Amino acid sequence: MFPSSSLSPLAHRPRRTVPQSSFFLFSFFVFSPVLLGILHFDLLVHDATSLKDKRRVIASVKDRLHREHMAAVAEVGHQEMLNVARMGLAVVGSDGKHLGAMLDRITSKLRTLRDAELGETCRRVVDFDDIEGDDAEGAESPRDDALLAAEMLRRASEIDSMDDGATTRGHAA
């Protein structure tokens, strides 16, 4: 299949090396700040006669914001209320001015919705390193460790009870 002089068609190409200047670019990106733009807002869905109507409107808003702004959007509260949805939106970047302007554009877009009215809003741009509870080593807090241990014990006991049930059923058959 391949000529006897080489093992593959790419064998004749010279090996590419990384230029020394790329280390500077790599270190720039590694040490760039990670900023989070967070928007918390309420949507009032006036014409909803059922939760299905409300969820249709919310899904449309979520899809549009994700498609046009590459934002993560979720309904974070009032899921069972018929006419109100509490939403959370997050965008990530390295320039605070850009993130703030993006959140402002999103807020103005939300004010022009036909199917819903924008209610209360809260907007923040935070540095990822300043988020409370974040430490350099990434170790979890003792409370997180205790919750994780309790969850693992609960799941292990569920698995043991399922195995015991399967063993009992297996002997009966």
C-alpha atoms as a PDB file:
ATOM      1  CA  MET A   1       0.000   0.000   0.000  1.00  0.00           C
ATOM      2  CA  PHE A   2       2.770   2.473   0.941  1.00  0.00           C
ATOM      3  CA  PRO A   3       6.018   2.714  -1.004  1.00  0.00           C
ATOM      4  CA  SER A   4       8.767   0.643   0.513  1.00  0.00           C
ATOM      5  CA  SER A   5      10.838   3.770   1.238  1.00  0.00           C
ATOM      6  CA  SER A   6       8.449   5.047   3.934  1.00  0.00           C
ATOM      7  CA  LEU A   7       5.953   3.706   6.396  1.00  0.00           C
ATOM      8  CA  SER A   8       3.366   6.414   5.841  1.00  0.00           C
ATOM      9  CA  PRO A   9       2.589   9.167   3.355  1.00  0.00           C
ATOM     10  CA  LEU A  10       3.522  11.788   6.001  1.00  0.00           C
ATOM     11  CA  ALA A  11       7.007  10.391   6.669  1.00  0.00           C
ATOM     12  CA  HIS A  12       8.680  12.777   4.212  1.00  0.00           C
ATOM     13  CA  ARG A  13       7.399  15.919   6.013  1.00  0.00           C
ATOM     14  CA  PRO A  14       9.809  17.636   8.394  1.00  0.00           C
ATOM     15  CA  ARG A  15       8.887  17.680  12.074  1.00  0.00           C
ATOM     16  CA  ARG A  16       7.406  20.986  13.216  1.00  0.00           C
ATOM     17  CA  THR A  17       8.954  22.621  16.261  1.00  0.00           C
ATOM     18  CA  VAL A  18       7.450  25.214  18.580  1.00  0.00           C
ATOM     19  CA  PRO A  19       9.152  28.611  18.278  1.00  0.00           C
ATOM     20  CA  GLN A  20      10.638  30.111  21.430  1.00  0.00           C
ATOM     21  CA  SER A  21       8.313  33.129  21.225  1.00  0.00           C
ATOM     22  CA  SER A  22       5.263  30.899  21.691  1.00  0.00           C
ATOM     23  CA  PHE A  23       6.228  30.330  25.334  1.00  0.00           C
ATOM     24  CA  PHE A  24       5.514  34.007  25.980  1.00  0.00           C
ATOM     25  CA  LEU A  25       2.069  33.653  24.385  1.00  0.00           C
ATOM     26  CA  PHE A  26       1.382  30.489  26.343  1.00  0.00           C
ATOM     27  CA  SER A  27       2.353  32.117  29.656  1.00  0.00           C
ATOM     28  CA  PHE A  28       0.179  35.142  28.795  1.00  0.00           C
ATOM     29  CA  PHE A  29      -2.886  32.950  28.360  1.00  0.00           C
ATOM     30  CA  VAL A  30      -2.168  30.871  31.433  1.00  0.00           C
ATOM     31  CA  PHE A  31      -1.964  33.939  33.654  1.00  0.00           C
ATOM     32  CA  SER A  32      -4.838  35.904  32.116  1.00  0.00           C
ATOM     33  CA  PRO A  33      -7.611  36.718  34.584  1.00  0.00           C
ATOM     34  CA  VAL A  34     -10.772  34.662  34.485  1.00  0.00           C
ATOM     35  CA  LEU A  35     -13.782  36.914  34.951  1.00  0.00           C
ATOM     36  CA  LEU A  36     -17.386  35.822  35.337  1.00  0.00           C
ATOM     37  CA  GLY A  37     -20.291  37.975  34.224  1.00  0.00           C
ATOM     38  CA  ILE A  38     -23.395  37.017  36.169  1.00  0.00           C
ATOM     39  CA  LEU A  39     -26.932  38.237  35.512  1.00  0.00           C
ATOM     40  CA  HIS A  40     -29.773  37.284  37.830  1.00  0.00           C
ATOM     41  CA  PHE A  41     -33.239  38.307  36.629  1.00  0.00           C
ATOM     42  CA  ASP A  42     -36.949  37.607  36.903  1.00  0.00           C
ATOM     43  CA  LEU A  43     -39.159  37.097  33.873  1.00  0.00           C
ATOM     44  CA  LEU A  44     -42.886  37.743  34.191  1.00  0.00           C
ATOM     45  CA  VAL A  45     -44.832  35.591  31.737  1.00  0.00           C
ATOM     46  CA  HIS A  46     -48.264  37.247  31.596  1.00  0.00           C
ATOM     47  CA  ASP A  47     -50.053  35.087  29.023  1.00  0.00           C
ATOM     48  CA  ALA A  48     -49.121  31.702  30.502  1.00  0.00           C
ATOM     49  CA  THR A  49     -52.162  29.593  31.304  1.00  0.00           C
ATOM     50  CA  SER A  50     -50.144  26.523  32.255  1.00  0.00           C
ATOM     51  CA  LEU A  51     -46.622  25.583  33.289  1.00  0.00           C
ATOM     52  CA  LYS A  52     -46.186  24.215  29.766  1.00  0.00           C
ATOM     53  CA  ASP A  53     -46.829  27.707  28.330  1.00  0.00           C
ATOM     54  CA  LYS A  54     -44.367  29.235  30.775  1.00  0.00           C
ATOM     55  CA  ARG A  55     -41.677  26.655  29.997  1.00  0.00           C
ATOM     56  CA  ARG A  56     -42.130  27.240  26.247  1.00  0.00           C
ATOM     57  CA  VAL A  57     -41.427  30.943  26.707  1.00  0.00           C
ATOM     58  CA  ILE A  58     -38.487  30.265  29.048  1.00  0.00           C
ATOM     59  CA  ALA A  59     -36.971  27.701  26.659  1.00  0.00           C
ATOM     60  CA  SER A  60     -37.235  30.196  23.802  1.00  0.00           C
ATOM     61  CA  VAL A  61     -35.463  32.896  25.839  1.00  0.00           C
ATOM     62  CA  LYS A  62     -32.749  30.477  26.993  1.00  0.00           C
ATOM     63  CA  ASP A  63     -32.088  29.206  23.467  1.00  0.00           C
ATOM     64  CA  ARG A  64     -31.950  32.729  22.028  1.00  0.00           C
ATOM     65  CA  LEU A  65     -29.529  34.030  24.677  1.00  0.00           C
ATOM     66  CA  HIS A  66     -27.286  30.987  24.318  1.00  0.00           C
ATOM     67  CA  ARG A  67     -27.284  31.183  20.527  1.00  0.00           C
ATOM     68  CA  GLU A  68     -26.685  34.933  20.265  1.00  0.00           C
ATOM     69  CA  HIS A  69     -24.344  35.490  23.229  1.00  0.00           C
ATOM     70  CA  MET A  70     -22.847  32.058  24.032  1.00  0.00           C
ATOM     71  CA  ALA A  71     -24.178  32.443  27.581  1.00  0.00           C
ATOM     72  CA  ALA A  72     -25.081  29.709  30.021  1.00  0.00           C
ATOM     73  CA  VAL A  73     -28.709  30.265  31.055  1.00  0.00           C
ATOM     74  CA  ALA A  74     -30.836  28.352  33.558  1.00  0.00           C
ATOM     75  CA  GLU A  75     -34.107  28.715  35.406  1.00  0.00           C
ATOM     76  CA  VAL A  76     -32.959  28.829  39.019  1.00  0.00           C
ATOM     77  CA  GLY A  77     -36.125  29.636  40.949  1.00  0.00           C
ATOM     78  CA  HIS A  78     -39.916  29.796  40.936  1.00  0.00           C
ATOM     79  CA  GLN A  79     -40.124  26.691  38.738  1.00  0.00           C
ATOM     80  CA  GLU A  80     -43.634  25.839  39.910  1.00  0.00           C
ATOM     81  CA  MET A  81     -45.037  29.384  39.769  1.00  0.00           C
ATOM     82  CA  LEU A  82     -47.211  29.969  36.744  1.00  0.00           C
ATOM     83  CA  ASN A  83     -46.259  33.525  35.735  1.00  0.00           C
ATOM     84  CA  VAL A  84     -42.767  34.126  37.176  1.00  0.00           C
ATOM     85  CA  ALA A  85     -39.377  32.593  36.366  1.00  0.00           C
ATOM     86  CA  ARG A  86     -36.150  33.435  38.167  1.00  0.00           C
ATOM     87  CA  MET A  87     -33.261  33.041  35.751  1.00  0.00           C
ATOM     88  CA  GLY A  88     -29.490  32.960  36.050  1.00  0.00           C
ATOM     89  CA  LEU A  89     -27.074  33.741  33.229  1.00  0.00           C
ATOM     90  CA  ALA A  90     -23.281  33.476  33.154  1.00  0.00           C
ATOM     91  CA  VAL A  91     -20.605  34.453  30.651  1.00  0.00           C
ATOM     92  CA  VAL A  92     -16.849  34.003  30.971  1.00  0.00           C
ATOM     93  CA  GLY A  93     -14.103  36.250  29.667  1.00  0.00           C
ATOM     94  CA  SER A  94     -10.900  38.080  30.495  1.00  0.00           C
ATOM     95  CA  ASP A  95     -12.029  41.683  29.926  1.00  0.00           C
ATOM     96  CA  GLY A  96     -14.374  43.221  32.487  1.00  0.00           C
ATOM     97  CA  LYS A  97     -15.471  46.061  30.176  1.00  0.00           C
ATOM     98  CA  HIS A  98     -16.451  43.589  27.482  1.00  0.00           C
ATOM     99  CA  LEU A  99     -18.375  41.402  29.946  1.00  0.00           C
ATOM    100  CA  GLY A 100     -20.179  44.421  31.405  1.00  0.00           C
ATOM    101  CA  ALA A 101     -21.153  45.640  27.937  1.00  0.00           C
ATOM    102  CA  MET A 102     -22.359  42.147  27.026  1.00  0.00           C
ATOM    103  CA  LEU A 103     -24.517  41.950  30.169  1.00  0.00           C
ATOM    104  CA  ASP A 104     -25.945  45.392  29.349  1.00  0.00           C
ATOM    105  CA  ARG A 105     -26.808  44.268  25.785  1.00  0.00           C
ATOM    106  CA  ILE A 106     -28.467  41.128  27.162  1.00  0.00           C
ATOM    107  CA  THR A 107     -30.476  43.190  29.666  1.00  0.00           C
ATOM    108  CA  SER A 108     -31.672  45.583  26.962  1.00  0.00           C
ATOM    109  CA  LYS A 109     -32.609  42.593  24.763  1.00  0.00           C
ATOM    110  CA  LEU A 110     -34.601  41.108  27.655  1.00  0.00           C
ATOM    111  CA  ARG A 111     -36.516  44.390  28.001  1.00  0.00           C
ATOM    112  CA  THR A 112     -37.773  44.014  24.419  1.00  0.00           C
ATOM    113  CA  LEU A 113     -39.225  40.493  24.771  1.00  0.00           C
ATOM    114  CA  ARG A 114     -42.759  40.058  23.431  1.00  0.00           C
ATOM    115  CA  ASP A 115     -43.773  36.997  25.458  1.00  0.00           C
ATOM    116  CA  ALA A 116     -42.349  38.057  28.828  1.00  0.00           C
ATOM    117  CA  GLU A 117     -41.580  41.166  30.834  1.00  0.00           C
ATOM    118  CA  LEU A 118     -38.262  41.739  32.568  1.00  0.00           C
ATOM    119  CA  GLY A 119     -38.638  42.068  36.315  1.00  0.00           C
ATOM    120  CA  GLU A 120     -35.939  42.593  38.930  1.00  0.00           C
ATOM    121  CA  THR A 121     -32.334  42.242  37.735  1.00  0.00           C
ATOM    122  CA  CYS A 122     -28.946  41.985  39.415  1.00  0.00           C
ATOM    123  CA  ARG A 123     -25.673  42.174  37.445  1.00  0.00           C
ATOM    124  CA  ARG A 124     -22.127  41.426  38.611  1.00  0.00           C
ATOM    125  CA  VAL A 125     -18.712  40.903  37.090  1.00  0.00           C
ATOM    126  CA  VAL A 126     -16.436  38.987  39.446  1.00  0.00           C
ATOM    127  CA  ASP A 127     -12.878  37.723  39.288  1.00  0.00           C
ATOM    128  CA  PHE A 128     -12.809  33.947  39.615  1.00  0.00           C
ATOM    129  CA  ASP A 129      -9.926  34.199  42.108  1.00  0.00           C
ATOM    130  CA  ASP A 130     -12.030  36.432  44.385  1.00  0.00           C
ATOM    131  CA  ILE A 131     -14.903  33.991  44.728  1.00  0.00           C
ATOM    132  CA  GLU A 132     -15.400  33.085  48.367  1.00  0.00           C
ATOM    133  CA  GLY A 133     -14.262  29.609  49.333  1.00  0.00           C
ATOM    134  CA  ASP A 134     -11.785  29.302  46.462  1.00  0.00           C
ATOM    135  CA  ASP A 135      -8.271  28.479  47.617  1.00  0.00           C
ATOM    136  CA  ALA A 136      -5.012  27.982  45.764  1.00  0.00           C
ATOM    137  CA  GLU A 137      -4.675  24.256  46.376  1.00  0.00           C
ATOM    138  CA  GLY A 138      -8.268  23.477  45.429  1.00  0.00           C
ATOM    139  CA  ALA A 139      -8.843  21.475  48.612  1.00  0.00           C
ATOM    140  CA  GLU A 140     -12.420  21.023  49.651  1.00  0.00           C
ATOM    141  CA  SER A 141     -13.695  22.334  52.958  1.00  0.00           C
ATOM    142  CA  PRO A 142     -14.219  19.919  55.879  1.00  0.00           C
ATOM    143  CA  ARG A 143     -17.979  20.340  55.455  1.00  0.00           C
ATOM    144  CA  ASP A 144     -17.717  19.263  51.784  1.00  0.00           C
ATOM    145  CA  ASP A 145     -15.627  16.252  52.810  1.00  0.00           C
ATOM    146  CA  ALA A 146     -18.217  15.228  55.409  1.00  0.00           C
ATOM    147  CA  LEU A 147     -21.085  15.603  52.908  1.00  0.00           C
ATOM    148  CA  LEU A 148     -19.164  13.595  50.319  1.00  0.00           C
ATOM    149  CA  ALA A 149     -18.425  10.828  52.833  1.00  0.00           C
ATOM    150  CA  ALA A 150     -22.085  10.665  53.891  1.00  0.00           C
ATOM    151  CA  GLU A 151     -23.222  10.497  50.251  1.00  0.00           C
ATOM    152  CA  MET A 152     -20.721   7.707  49.494  1.00  0.00           C
ATOM    153  CA  LEU A 153     -21.902   5.675  52.501  1.00  0.00           C
ATOM    154  CA  ARG A 154     -25.549   6.136  51.497  1.00  0.00           C
ATOM    155  CA  ARG A 155     -24.863   4.977  47.937  1.00  0.00           C
ATOM    156  CA  ALA A 156     -22.765   2.046  49.106  1.00  0.00           C
ATOM    157  CA  SER A 157     -25.601   0.875  51.355  1.00  0.00           C
ATOM    158  CA  GLU A 158     -28.062   1.202  48.444  1.00  0.00           C
ATOM    159  CA  ILE A 159     -25.791  -0.933  46.260  1.00  0.00           C
ATOM    160  CA  ASP A 160     -25.408  -3.512  49.044  1.00  0.00           C
ATOM    161  CA  SER A 161     -29.179  -3.714  49.491  1.00  0.00           C
ATOM    162  CA  MET A 162     -29.659  -4.136  45.725  1.00  0.00           C
ATOM    163  CA  ASP A 163     -26.997  -6.880  45.657  1.00  0.00           C
ATOM    164  CA  ASP A 164     -28.646  -8.651  48.602  1.00  0.00           C
ATOM    165  CA  GLY A 165     -31.997  -8.518  46.829  1.00  0.00           C
ATOM    166  CA  ALA A 166     -30.509  -9.899  43.631  1.00  0.00           C
ATOM    167  CA  THR A 167     -28.775 -12.707  45.531  1.00  0.00           C
ATOM    168  CA  THR A 168     -32.001 -13.632  47.325  1.00  0.00           C
ATOM    169  CA  ARG A 169     -33.934 -13.638  44.069  1.00  0.00           C
ATOM    170  CA  GLY A 170     -31.212 -15.659  42.374  1.00  0.00           C
ATOM    171  CA  HIS A 171     -31.422 -18.449  45.006  1.00  0.00           C
ATOM    172  CA  ALA A 172     -35.208 -18.537  44.816  1.00  0.00           C
ATOM    173  CA  ALA A 173     -35.207 -19.058  41.050  1.00  0.00           C
END
